[in-house]
Amino acid sequence: MTTAVVATVGERVRALRERAGMSQRGLAARAGVDKTTVQALEMGRAPGMNLHTLSALAQALQVPIGVLVGELPVPSGEPVSWAQVRREVEQLWEVA
C-alpha cells in the first residue's frame, strides 16, 4: 500500500473507531492486533499493512473491509452482513 492509501485508510479507521466510541487500545484488543498497529495506521505510517489485519479491523469496527479501503461508503449505522464481509475479503484475495 502506498503512503497516501494508508493515510486514507487510517483516516477511515479513526473516524469509524471514534464513531463507535472506542479507544485505540479498545479497537486493537477487539481486532486482536497491537495498539501500535492501530496508532501507526491512523497516522498513515503503516505501508506494510496486510489484508489479515485490515480484515480484523473491519470486523472489529463492524463494517465491510471495502469501507476501510474506500470501495464502499461508510455505512449509516446499519447492521453488518458478515457474509458480505467474507465475500469482499475473498474478492480482495483474488485480486492480490
C-alpha atoms as a PDB file:
ATOM      1  CA  MET A   1       0.000   0.000   0.000  1.00  0.00           C
ATOM      2  CA  THR A   2       1.238   3.454  -0.794  1.00  0.00           C
ATOM      3  CA  THR A   3       1.588   6.038   1.941  1.00  0.00           C
ATOM      4  CA  ALA A   4      -1.359   8.020   0.505  1.00  0.00           C
ATOM      5  CA  VAL A   5      -3.607   4.946   0.556  1.00  0.00           C
ATOM      6  CA  VAL A   6      -2.552   4.078   4.099  1.00  0.00           C
ATOM      7  CA  ALA A   7      -3.296   7.635   5.252  1.00  0.00           C
ATOM      8  CA  THR A   8      -6.780   7.423   3.738  1.00  0.00           C
ATOM      9  CA  VAL A   9      -7.423   4.007   5.277  1.00  0.00           C
ATOM     10  CA  GLY A  10      -6.106   5.325   8.582  1.00  0.00           C
ATOM     11  CA  GLU A  11      -8.461   8.294   8.440  1.00  0.00           C
ATOM     12  CA  ARG A  12     -11.402   5.949   7.883  1.00  0.00           C
ATOM     13  CA  VAL A  13     -10.313   3.668  10.726  1.00  0.00           C
ATOM     14  CA  ARG A  14     -10.009   6.645  13.070  1.00  0.00           C
ATOM     15  CA  ALA A  15     -13.405   8.064  12.072  1.00  0.00           C
ATOM     16  CA  LEU A  16     -15.147   4.708  12.462  1.00  0.00           C
ATOM     17  CA  ARG A  17     -13.368   3.981  15.750  1.00  0.00           C
ATOM     18  CA  GLU A  18     -14.347   7.356  17.167  1.00  0.00           C
ATOM     19  CA  ARG A  19     -17.916   6.982  15.915  1.00  0.00           C
ATOM     20  CA  ALA A  20     -18.084   3.633  17.720  1.00  0.00           C
ATOM     21  CA  GLY A  21     -16.762   5.279  20.896  1.00  0.00           C
ATOM     22  CA  MET A  22     -13.682   3.045  21.009  1.00  0.00           C
ATOM     23  CA  SER A  23     -10.180   3.922  22.078  1.00  0.00           C
ATOM     24  CA  GLN A  24      -7.193   2.795  20.027  1.00  0.00           C
ATOM     25  CA  ARG A  25      -6.463   0.252  22.725  1.00  0.00           C
ATOM     26  CA  GLY A  26     -10.066  -0.984  22.645  1.00  0.00           C
ATOM     27  CA  LEU A  27     -10.055  -1.381  18.869  1.00  0.00           C
ATOM     28  CA  ALA A  28      -6.701  -3.145  18.971  1.00  0.00           C
ATOM     29  CA  ALA A  29      -7.942  -5.591  21.610  1.00  0.00           C
ATOM     30  CA  ARG A  30     -11.164  -6.251  19.741  1.00  0.00           C
ATOM     31  CA  ALA A  31      -9.278  -6.819  16.469  1.00  0.00           C
ATOM     32  CA  GLY A  32      -6.518  -8.885  18.065  1.00  0.00           C
ATOM     33  CA  VAL A  33      -3.743  -6.544  16.957  1.00  0.00           C
ATOM     34  CA  ASP A  34      -1.211  -4.449  18.840  1.00  0.00           C
ATOM     35  CA  LYS A  35      -2.176  -0.890  19.806  1.00  0.00           C
ATOM     36  CA  THR A  36       0.860   0.410  17.923  1.00  0.00           C
ATOM     37  CA  THR A  37      -0.585  -1.095  14.734  1.00  0.00           C
ATOM     38  CA  VAL A  38      -3.749   0.975  15.125  1.00  0.00           C
ATOM     39  CA  GLN A  39      -1.713   4.070  16.007  1.00  0.00           C
ATOM     40  CA  ALA A  40       0.581   3.671  13.005  1.00  0.00           C
ATOM     41  CA  LEU A  41      -2.299   3.094  10.616  1.00  0.00           C
ATOM     42  CA  GLU A  42      -4.222   6.107  11.883  1.00  0.00           C
ATOM     43  CA  MET A  43      -1.096   8.231  11.471  1.00  0.00           C
ATOM     44  CA  GLY A  44      -0.575   6.972   7.904  1.00  0.00           C
ATOM     45  CA  ARG A  45       2.605   5.143   8.832  1.00  0.00           C
ATOM     46  CA  ALA A  46       1.768   1.515   8.137  1.00  0.00           C
ATOM     47  CA  PRO A  47       2.648   0.856   4.483  1.00  0.00           C
ATOM     48  CA  GLY A  48       3.166  -2.843   5.229  1.00  0.00           C
ATOM     49  CA  MET A  49      -0.435  -3.317   6.405  1.00  0.00           C
ATOM     50  CA  ASN A  50      -1.723  -6.710   5.330  1.00  0.00           C
ATOM     51  CA  LEU A  51      -5.157  -7.995   4.382  1.00  0.00           C
ATOM     52  CA  HIS A  52      -5.474 -10.089   7.542  1.00  0.00           C
ATOM     53  CA  THR A  53      -5.018  -7.019   9.746  1.00  0.00           C
ATOM     54  CA  LEU A  54      -7.405  -4.908   7.661  1.00  0.00           C
ATOM     55  CA  SER A  55      -9.975  -7.694   7.809  1.00  0.00           C
ATOM     56  CA  ALA A  56      -9.626  -7.946  11.599  1.00  0.00           C
ATOM     57  CA  LEU A  57     -10.018  -4.179  11.967  1.00  0.00           C
ATOM     58  CA  ALA A  58     -13.068  -4.142   9.678  1.00  0.00           C
ATOM     59  CA  GLN A  59     -14.683  -6.928  11.679  1.00  0.00           C
ATOM     60  CA  ALA A  60     -13.915  -5.163  14.966  1.00  0.00           C
ATOM     61  CA  LEU A  61     -15.429  -1.959  13.572  1.00  0.00           C
ATOM     62  CA  GLN A  62     -18.381  -3.934  12.201  1.00  0.00           C
ATOM     63  CA  VAL A  63     -18.001  -2.669   8.648  1.00  0.00           C
ATOM     64  CA  PRO A  64     -17.174  -4.410   5.380  1.00  0.00           C
ATOM     65  CA  ILE A  65     -13.493  -4.218   4.512  1.00  0.00           C
ATOM     66  CA  GLY A  66     -14.473  -2.261   1.403  1.00  0.00           C
ATOM     67  CA  VAL A  67     -15.333   0.662   3.678  1.00  0.00           C
ATOM     68  CA  LEU A  68     -11.780   0.785   5.039  1.00  0.00           C
ATOM     69  CA  VAL A  69     -10.190   0.752   1.596  1.00  0.00           C
ATOM     70  CA  GLY A  70     -12.647   3.282   0.169  1.00  0.00           C
ATOM     71  CA  GLU A  71     -14.518   0.995  -2.212  1.00  0.00           C
ATOM     72  CA  LEU A  72     -17.752   1.280  -0.227  1.00  0.00           C
ATOM     73  CA  PRO A  73     -19.295   4.267   1.520  1.00  0.00           C
ATOM     74  CA  VAL A  74     -19.220   4.489   5.291  1.00  0.00           C
ATOM     75  CA  PRO A  75     -22.439   2.852   6.476  1.00  0.00           C
ATOM     76  CA  SER A  76     -25.090   4.824   8.286  1.00  0.00           C
ATOM     77  CA  GLY A  77     -25.139   2.513  11.289  1.00  0.00           C
ATOM     78  CA  GLU A  78     -26.990  -0.358   9.642  1.00  0.00           C
ATOM     79  CA  PRO A  79     -26.247  -3.934  10.760  1.00  0.00           C
ATOM     80  CA  VAL A  80     -23.297  -5.622   9.062  1.00  0.00           C
ATOM     81  CA  SER A  81     -23.724  -8.680   6.880  1.00  0.00           C
ATOM     82  CA  TRP A  82     -20.762 -10.904   7.737  1.00  0.00           C
ATOM     83  CA  ALA A  83     -21.462 -12.920   4.600  1.00  0.00           C
ATOM     84  CA  GLN A  84     -20.846  -9.708   2.636  1.00  0.00           C
ATOM     85  CA  VAL A  85     -17.629  -9.066   4.570  1.00  0.00           C
ATOM     86  CA  ARG A  86     -16.440 -12.572   3.737  1.00  0.00           C
ATOM     87  CA  ARG A  87     -17.252 -12.120   0.018  1.00  0.00           C
ATOM     88  CA  GLU A  88     -15.327  -8.845  -0.042  1.00  0.00           C
ATOM     89  CA  VAL A  89     -12.287 -10.394   1.613  1.00  0.00           C
ATOM     90  CA  GLU A  90     -12.356 -13.289  -0.832  1.00  0.00           C
ATOM     91  CA  GLN A  91     -12.594 -10.836  -3.747  1.00  0.00           C
ATOM     92  CA  LEU A  92      -9.625  -8.876  -2.433  1.00  0.00           C
ATOM     93  CA  TRP A  93      -7.598 -12.085  -2.128  1.00  0.00           C
ATOM     94  CA  GLU A  94      -8.425 -12.904  -5.768  1.00  0.00           C
ATOM     95  CA  VAL A  95      -7.121  -9.504  -6.896  1.00  0.00           C
ATOM     96  CA  ALA A  96      -3.921  -9.707  -4.825  1.00  0.00           C
END
